[in-house]
Amino acid sequence: MPDYPHFCAEEFAQDEFFVRWVLRPDAETEAFWQQWLATFAFRRDEVEAARQLVLGLHQLPQARLSSAEKMALRQRIFEEIDTMEAPVPAAHHRWLVPTWQWAAAASVLLMLLGIGQLWQLQQPVSASGYRALLAQARREAGTLRDIDNPTAGTRLVSLPDGSSVLLRPHSRLAFPVRFVGTTRPVYLEGSAFFEVAKNPEKPFFVNTASLVTKVLGTSFEVQAAAKSPRVVVTVKTGRVSVYPQGGEQAQLQARTQQLEGIVLTPNQQATYRLADHQLKRTLLAQPALAGGAAAVFEYEETPIREVFAQLEKAYGVSIVYDKAGLGNCPLTASFTDEPLFEKLRLICKATRAHYEVLDAQIVITGPGCN
């Protein structure tokens, strides 16, 4: 395992596993990097700088450069970063690259490829999509209130129905002055955490340029930054449904009060990749205990079916296994604050089983004990 906590942005941008997460995210990379960022939150600026660098370099094939030219350009960018670093002790050299230097390095990329050409290549699709979304909303709903958060802090926004939104830094939110009709639509570019007032008769819709989240009353996070290659929806409480913007599914969801399509529950998230329009549902890297759930799990010769039933209830997850073959296997163990997947690893080790996460379900396989 690379020493990621000590990586600088340059090293992240050259790491294959990191690049895969930025350009072609899947369940494995998404789970790893979300958990890593939660653990090493102080490295977020470095990761974001690396992510922007990877996205910029990914545009190079469109500039019709050879592989050798791309590598030479990449090296020149990194050399430019090194020349701009202040002279500091070697032990701290990699840690003190300020944000402005990465902006300057990006300007090198602009100059080398041509400002006009790269600007056109790097314009995010979602930015124009968001503007078009607002234009259509204004035609249909009339006046919208626009809230912009250009700061580095989170802004609390109160909505007309009593719902609240924590608008993340560098994010934008628009919504009607009053919710009229049969729905409660809002429009988001960036990231926000929503606490939606319950009203089953009037569904709440969070519209981004590429994805729609529909809820009846719950709390969840939507991440839809303009330059991001994906949109991520994470549920804290309740249930939400997600589906791509536009098309027959969007029209159906707008007409019904039911949650249809891909439905998310607590500890689940959906990732929509803009590159190939793939929408995947996964479990969080570290599922949290449901409110009021027991924090201690004590088992003494307990049938595994009872163990799995308690875990399902405590974490709000679905565990699929062969009840006939594994259900009666006895387990003696004591768990406290171990993460869910660590509990599962130990349980599987004791019962000669194996687990994997498929479509937000935990699937347990093994020879059983009958």
Protein backbone atom coordinates (compact mmCIF):
# COMPACT_ATOMS: atom_id res chain seq x y z
CA MET A 1 0.00 0.00 0.00
CA PRO A 2 1.52 3.39 -0.98
CA ASP A 3 2.19 5.87 1.82
CA TYR A 4 -0.76 8.08 0.85
CA PRO A 5 -0.78 10.21 4.05
CA HIS A 6 2.63 11.58 3.00
CA PHE A 7 1.84 12.01 -0.70
CA CYS A 8 1.90 15.46 -2.26
CA ALA A 9 -0.50 16.40 -5.07
CA GLU A 10 2.10 15.53 -7.69
CA GLU A 11 2.44 11.99 -6.32
CA PHE A 12 -1.33 11.49 -6.08
CA ALA A 13 -1.68 12.58 -9.72
CA GLN A 14 0.78 9.86 -10.81
CA ASP A 15 -0.71 7.06 -8.69
CA GLU A 16 -2.67 4.58 -10.84
CA PHE A 17 -5.24 3.78 -8.13
CA PHE A 18 -5.90 7.49 -7.50
CA VAL A 19 -6.17 8.26 -11.22
CA ARG A 20 -8.60 5.38 -11.64
CA TRP A 21 -10.79 6.85 -8.89
CA VAL A 22 -10.80 10.30 -10.51
CA LEU A 23 -11.41 9.18 -14.10
CA ARG A 24 -13.15 5.78 -13.84
CA PRO A 25 -14.58 5.47 -10.29
CA ASP A 26 -16.00 2.11 -9.23
CA ALA A 27 -17.20 0.56 -5.98
CA GLU A 28 -13.68 -0.38 -4.87
CA THR A 29 -12.02 2.99 -5.49
CA GLU A 30 -15.00 5.00 -4.25
CA ALA A 31 -15.18 3.07 -0.98
CA PHE A 32 -11.43 3.32 -0.38
CA TRP A 33 -10.97 7.03 -1.11
CA GLN A 34 -14.13 8.15 0.70
CA GLN A 35 -12.95 6.27 3.78
CA TRP A 36 -9.41 7.59 3.36
CA LEU A 37 -10.62 11.20 3.12
CA ALA A 38 -12.77 10.73 6.20
CA THR A 39 -9.70 9.51 8.11
CA PHE A 40 -7.22 12.04 6.70
CA ALA A 41 -9.51 15.05 6.31
CA PHE A 42 -6.55 17.45 6.63
CA ARG A 43 -5.26 16.19 3.26
CA ARG A 44 -8.38 17.21 1.30
CA ASP A 45 -6.74 20.29 -0.25
CA GLU A 46 -3.85 18.21 -1.55
CA VAL A 47 -6.24 15.59 -2.94
CA GLU A 48 -8.37 18.24 -4.65
CA ALA A 49 -5.29 19.82 -6.22
CA ALA A 50 -4.25 16.39 -7.52
CA ARG A 51 -7.75 15.69 -8.79
CA GLN A 52 -7.80 18.92 -10.79
CA LEU A 53 -4.36 18.12 -12.20
CA VAL A 54 -5.48 14.64 -13.29
CA LEU A 55 -8.62 16.06 -14.92
CA GLY A 56 -6.53 18.64 -16.76
CA LEU A 57 -4.00 16.11 -17.96
CA HIS A 58 -6.82 13.79 -19.04
CA GLN A 59 -7.79 16.34 -21.67
CA LEU A 60 -4.41 15.92 -23.41
CA PRO A 61 -5.50 13.16 -25.85
CA GLN A 62 -7.94 15.66 -27.37
CA ALA A 63 -5.04 18.00 -28.04
CA ARG A 64 -3.58 15.40 -30.44
CA LEU A 65 -0.25 15.00 -28.68
CA SER A 66 1.83 11.85 -28.90
CA SER A 67 2.42 9.72 -25.81
CA ALA A 68 5.98 11.02 -25.57
CA GLU A 69 4.78 14.62 -25.84
CA LYS A 70 2.19 14.05 -23.13
CA MET A 71 4.81 12.57 -20.80
CA ALA A 72 7.19 15.46 -21.51
CA LEU A 73 4.41 17.95 -20.82
CA ARG A 74 3.45 16.18 -17.59
CA GLN A 75 7.08 16.27 -16.43
CA ARG A 76 7.39 19.94 -17.30
CA ILE A 77 4.36 20.77 -15.20
CA PHE A 78 5.79 18.92 -12.22
CA GLU A 79 9.16 20.63 -12.74
CA GLU A 80 7.39 23.98 -12.82
CA ILE A 81 5.77 23.18 -9.49
CA ASP A 82 9.17 22.31 -8.01
CA THR A 83 10.74 25.57 -9.21
CA MET A 84 7.93 27.59 -7.63
CA GLU A 85 8.24 25.95 -4.21
CA ALA A 86 9.83 28.07 -1.49
CA PRO A 87 13.18 26.82 -0.17
CA VAL A 88 12.27 24.82 2.92
CA PRO A 89 13.93 21.96 4.80
CA ALA A 90 13.88 18.70 2.84
CA ALA A 91 11.81 16.95 5.50
CA HIS A 92 8.98 19.43 4.89
CA HIS A 93 9.50 20.08 1.18
CA ARG A 94 6.52 18.04 -0.02
CA TRP A 95 4.06 19.37 2.55
CA LEU A 96 4.24 23.12 1.94
CA VAL A 97 3.05 23.61 -1.63
CA PRO A 98 0.42 26.36 -1.37
CA THR A 99 -2.71 26.39 -3.48
CA TRP A 100 -1.55 29.36 -5.59
CA GLN A 101 1.36 27.31 -6.89
CA TRP A 102 -0.97 24.65 -8.21
CA ALA A 103 -2.93 27.41 -9.93
CA ALA A 104 0.30 28.64 -11.44
CA ALA A 105 1.16 25.13 -12.59
CA ALA A 106 -2.24 24.91 -14.21
CA SER A 107 -1.42 28.13 -16.06
CA VAL A 108 1.66 26.39 -17.47
CA LEU A 109 -0.63 23.75 -18.89
CA LEU A 110 -2.80 26.46 -20.43
CA MET A 111 0.17 28.14 -22.08
CA LEU A 112 1.63 24.90 -23.43
CA LEU A 113 -1.58 23.74 -25.07
CA GLY A 114 -3.02 27.10 -25.99
CA ILE A 115 -5.39 29.01 -23.76
CA GLY A 116 -8.29 29.06 -26.16
CA GLN A 117 -8.15 25.35 -27.01
CA LEU A 118 -7.78 24.06 -23.45
CA TRP A 119 -10.47 26.41 -22.12
CA GLN A 120 -12.89 24.89 -24.57
CA LEU A 121 -11.79 21.35 -23.66
CA GLN A 122 -12.10 21.88 -19.92
CA GLN A 123 -15.48 23.61 -19.76
CA PRO A 124 -17.58 21.31 -17.54
CA VAL A 125 -20.70 19.95 -19.14
CA SER A 126 -22.61 20.33 -15.89
CA ALA A 127 -22.04 24.10 -15.76
CA SER A 128 -23.95 24.77 -18.98
CA GLY A 129 -26.39 22.05 -17.99
CA TYR A 130 -27.13 23.79 -14.70
CA ARG A 131 -27.76 27.12 -16.44
CA ALA A 132 -30.12 25.41 -18.87
CA LEU A 133 -31.85 23.71 -15.95
CA LEU A 134 -32.46 27.06 -14.23
CA ALA A 135 -33.67 28.67 -17.45
CA GLN A 136 -36.24 25.92 -17.92
CA ALA A 137 -37.29 26.14 -14.25
CA ARG A 138 -37.84 29.88 -14.54
CA ARG A 139 -40.00 29.38 -17.60
CA GLU A 140 -42.11 26.81 -15.74
CA ALA A 141 -42.13 28.12 -12.16
CA GLY A 142 -41.41 31.82 -12.58
CA THR A 143 -39.21 33.61 -10.06
CA LEU A 144 -36.50 31.63 -8.31
CA ARG A 145 -34.41 32.68 -5.33
CA ASP A 146 -30.69 32.15 -5.97
CA ILE A 147 -28.29 31.45 -3.09
CA ASP A 148 -24.56 31.44 -3.77
CA ASN A 149 -21.92 30.34 -1.27
CA PRO A 150 -18.51 31.50 -2.57
CA THR A 151 -16.91 31.19 0.87
CA ALA A 152 -14.87 28.39 2.44
CA GLY A 153 -17.54 27.78 5.09
CA THR A 154 -20.93 26.05 5.09
CA ARG A 155 -24.06 28.23 4.81
CA LEU A 156 -27.43 27.38 6.35
CA VAL A 157 -30.39 27.98 4.02
CA SER A 158 -34.03 27.75 5.12
CA LEU A 159 -36.58 26.72 2.50
CA PRO A 160 -40.23 27.85 2.29
CA ASP A 161 -41.59 24.46 3.46
CA GLY A 162 -39.49 24.35 6.64
CA SER A 163 -36.73 22.20 5.14
CA SER A 164 -33.13 23.24 5.74
CA VAL A 165 -30.01 23.00 3.61
CA LEU A 166 -26.35 23.12 4.59
CA LEU A 167 -24.88 24.61 1.43
CA ARG A 168 -21.25 23.56 1.12
CA PRO A 169 -18.44 25.91 0.02
CA HIS A 170 -18.47 27.09 -3.60
CA SER A 171 -21.98 25.76 -4.20
CA ARG A 172 -25.18 27.29 -5.55
CA LEU A 173 -28.84 26.63 -4.76
CA ALA A 174 -32.01 27.94 -6.40
CA PHE A 175 -35.64 27.39 -5.35
CA PRO A 176 -39.09 28.98 -5.77
CA VAL A 177 -40.08 31.75 -3.39
CA ARG A 178 -43.09 29.55 -2.59
CA PHE A 179 -43.63 25.87 -3.33
CA VAL A 180 -46.84 25.74 -5.35
CA GLY A 181 -48.39 22.80 -7.16
CA THR A 182 -47.75 19.16 -6.31
CA THR A 183 -43.93 19.16 -5.96
CA ARG A 184 -41.12 20.96 -4.11
CA PRO A 185 -38.25 21.42 -6.61
CA VAL A 186 -34.82 22.90 -5.84
CA TYR A 187 -31.77 23.21 -8.09
CA LEU A 188 -28.21 22.53 -6.97
CA GLU A 189 -24.72 23.01 -8.36
CA GLY A 190 -22.09 21.86 -5.90
CA SER A 191 -22.66 19.99 -2.64
CA ALA A 192 -25.30 20.29 0.07
CA PHE A 193 -26.81 18.38 2.97
CA PHE A 194 -30.63 18.42 3.05
CA GLU A 195 -33.00 17.99 6.00
CA VAL A 196 -36.36 17.73 4.24
CA ALA A 197 -39.64 18.39 6.02
CA LYS A 198 -41.95 15.40 5.62
CA ASN A 199 -44.83 15.79 3.21
CA PRO A 200 -45.75 12.53 1.42
CA GLU A 201 -48.34 14.39 -0.65
CA LYS A 202 -45.76 16.80 -2.05
CA PRO A 203 -42.45 15.12 -3.06
CA PHE A 204 -39.21 17.09 -2.77
CA PHE A 205 -36.87 17.09 -5.80
CA VAL A 206 -33.19 18.05 -5.84
CA ASN A 207 -32.28 18.75 -9.46
CA THR A 208 -28.66 18.80 -10.62
CA ALA A 209 -27.49 19.12 -14.20
CA SER A 210 -27.36 15.34 -14.64
CA LEU A 211 -29.17 13.65 -11.73
CA VAL A 212 -32.43 14.04 -9.80
CA THR A 213 -32.99 13.00 -6.18
CA LYS A 214 -36.60 12.55 -5.08
CA VAL A 215 -37.64 12.33 -1.42
CA LEU A 216 -40.77 12.54 0.71
CA GLY A 217 -38.98 13.66 3.87
CA THR A 218 -35.49 12.61 4.98
CA SER A 219 -31.87 13.75 5.32
CA PHE A 220 -29.21 13.17 2.67
CA GLU A 221 -26.16 14.66 0.95
CA VAL A 222 -25.82 15.52 -2.75
CA GLN A 223 -22.39 16.17 -4.29
CA ALA A 224 -22.61 17.62 -7.79
CA ALA A 225 -19.63 19.94 -8.27
CA ALA A 226 -19.42 21.56 -11.70
CA LYS A 227 -15.99 20.06 -12.50
CA SER A 228 -16.59 16.63 -11.01
CA PRO A 229 -16.93 13.61 -13.34
CA ARG A 230 -19.67 12.17 -11.11
CA VAL A 231 -22.62 13.00 -8.88
CA VAL A 232 -22.88 11.26 -5.49
CA VAL A 233 -26.00 10.99 -3.31
CA THR A 234 -25.60 9.66 0.25
CA VAL A 235 -28.55 8.91 2.56
CA LYS A 236 -28.43 9.56 6.31
CA THR A 237 -32.06 8.87 7.24
CA GLY A 238 -35.18 7.78 5.38
CA ARG A 239 -35.36 6.76 1.73
CA VAL A 240 -34.70 8.57 -1.55
CA SER A 241 -34.85 7.63 -5.20
CA VAL A 242 -32.34 8.78 -7.80
CA TYR A 243 -32.49 8.83 -11.58
CA PRO A 244 -30.84 10.66 -14.51
CA GLN A 245 -32.12 14.07 -15.50
CA GLY A 246 -34.52 13.95 -18.45
CA GLY A 247 -36.00 10.90 -20.20
CA GLU A 248 -39.02 8.73 -19.45
CA GLN A 249 -37.97 7.93 -15.87
CA ALA A 250 -37.88 11.62 -14.98
CA GLN A 251 -41.33 12.18 -16.45
CA LEU A 252 -42.74 9.19 -14.54
CA GLN A 253 -41.21 10.29 -11.23
CA ALA A 254 -42.65 13.78 -11.62
CA ARG A 255 -46.17 12.36 -11.96
CA THR A 256 -46.17 9.96 -9.02
CA GLN A 257 -45.84 10.38 -5.26
CA GLN A 258 -44.06 7.02 -4.93
CA LEU A 259 -40.30 6.46 -4.79
CA GLU A 260 -39.36 4.38 -7.82
CA GLY A 261 -36.23 3.46 -9.76
CA ILE A 262 -33.04 3.14 -7.69
CA VAL A 263 -34.09 3.63 -4.07
CA LEU A 264 -31.46 4.39 -1.41
CA THR A 265 -31.75 3.76 2.32
CA PRO A 266 -29.42 4.80 5.20
CA ASN A 267 -25.77 3.83 4.75
CA GLN A 268 -26.24 3.64 0.98
CA GLN A 269 -25.05 5.96 -1.75
CA ALA A 270 -25.53 6.26 -5.48
CA THR A 271 -22.78 7.34 -7.87
CA TYR A 272 -23.64 8.62 -11.34
CA ARG A 273 -20.72 8.77 -13.78
CA LEU A 274 -21.12 11.47 -16.40
CA ALA A 275 -18.66 9.86 -18.81
CA ASP A 276 -20.71 6.72 -19.46
CA HIS A 277 -24.02 7.59 -17.70
CA GLN A 278 -23.62 4.66 -15.30
CA LEU A 279 -25.66 4.86 -12.07
CA LYS A 280 -24.48 2.51 -9.31
CA ARG A 281 -25.72 1.91 -5.78
CA THR A 282 -23.21 0.93 -3.08
CA LEU A 283 -22.82 0.81 0.70
CA LEU A 284 -20.80 3.47 2.47
CA ALA A 285 -17.21 2.56 3.27
CA GLN A 286 -18.08 2.74 6.99
CA PRO A 287 -21.82 2.14 7.59
CA ALA A 288 -22.98 3.84 10.78
CA LEU A 289 -25.18 2.37 13.49
CA ALA A 290 -28.84 3.32 13.20
CA GLY A 291 -30.15 5.64 15.88
CA GLY A 292 -30.69 3.90 19.22
CA ALA A 293 -29.02 0.68 18.10
CA ALA A 294 -27.01 -1.34 20.61
CA ALA A 295 -23.27 -0.61 20.51
CA VAL A 296 -22.22 -3.99 21.99
CA PHE A 297 -22.68 -7.29 20.26
CA GLU A 298 -22.17 -10.34 22.49
CA TYR A 299 -22.58 -13.87 21.15
CA GLU A 300 -22.12 -17.24 22.79
CA GLU A 301 -22.85 -20.23 20.59
CA THR A 302 -25.38 -17.99 18.84
CA PRO A 303 -26.79 -19.21 15.49
CA ILE A 304 -25.37 -17.10 12.69
CA ARG A 305 -28.87 -16.25 11.43
CA GLU A 306 -29.49 -14.33 14.69
CA VAL A 307 -26.16 -12.56 14.38
CA PHE A 308 -26.91 -11.43 10.83
CA ALA A 309 -30.43 -10.38 11.83
CA GLN A 310 -29.04 -8.13 14.56
CA LEU A 311 -26.46 -6.61 12.22
CA GLU A 312 -29.11 -5.94 9.60
CA LYS A 313 -31.28 -4.12 12.12
CA ALA A 314 -28.40 -2.25 13.76
CA TYR A 315 -26.90 -0.94 10.50
CA GLY A 316 -29.94 -0.92 8.24
CA VAL A 317 -28.28 -3.19 5.70
CA SER A 318 -29.34 -6.28 3.81
CA ILE A 319 -27.32 -9.48 4.30
CA VAL A 320 -27.89 -12.30 1.84
CA TYR A 321 -26.65 -15.80 2.68
CA ASP A 322 -27.55 -19.48 2.45
CA LYS A 323 -29.86 -19.85 5.44
CA ALA A 324 -29.90 -23.64 5.19
CA GLY A 325 -26.13 -24.03 5.01
CA LEU A 326 -24.94 -21.14 7.21
CA GLY A 327 -27.96 -20.18 9.28
CA ASN A 328 -27.34 -22.63 12.15
CA CYS A 329 -23.57 -22.18 12.40
CA PRO A 330 -22.77 -21.19 16.02
CA LEU A 331 -20.73 -18.08 16.79
CA THR A 332 -19.02 -17.07 20.01
CA ALA A 333 -17.66 -13.54 19.84
CA SER A 334 -17.72 -10.11 21.49
CA PHE A 335 -17.81 -6.91 19.43
CA THR A 336 -17.93 -3.29 20.55
CA ASP A 337 -16.93 -0.37 18.36
CA GLU A 338 -15.49 -2.26 15.39
CA PRO A 339 -16.75 -1.01 12.00
CA LEU A 340 -19.37 -3.22 10.35
CA PHE A 341 -16.99 -4.65 7.76
CA GLU A 342 -14.46 -5.54 10.43
CA LYS A 343 -17.19 -7.43 12.31
CA LEU A 344 -18.08 -9.24 9.11
CA ARG A 345 -14.45 -10.08 8.41
CA LEU A 346 -14.05 -11.67 11.84
CA ILE A 347 -17.36 -13.50 11.60
CA CYS A 348 -16.46 -14.89 8.18
CA LYS A 349 -13.03 -15.93 9.43
CA ALA A 350 -14.65 -17.87 12.29
CA THR A 351 -17.17 -19.59 10.00
CA ARG A 352 -14.88 -20.15 6.96
CA ALA A 353 -17.07 -17.84 4.90
CA HIS A 354 -16.47 -14.85 2.64
CA TYR A 355 -18.40 -11.61 2.13
CA GLU A 356 -18.66 -9.11 -0.71
CA VAL A 357 -20.83 -6.07 -1.40
CA LEU A 358 -23.03 -6.32 -4.50
CA ASP A 359 -25.51 -3.55 -5.38
CA ALA A 360 -25.57 -2.29 -1.75
CA GLN A 361 -26.23 -5.80 -0.42
CA ILE A 362 -23.79 -7.84 1.65
CA VAL A 363 -23.52 -11.33 0.19
CA ILE A 364 -22.06 -14.07 2.41
CA THR A 365 -20.84 -17.34 0.87
CA GLY A 366 -19.22 -20.36 2.48
CA PRO A 367 -19.34 -24.14 2.89
CA GLY A 368 -21.59 -23.94 5.96
CA CYS A 369 -21.36 -26.20 9.00
CA ASN A 370 -24.07 -28.80 8.50
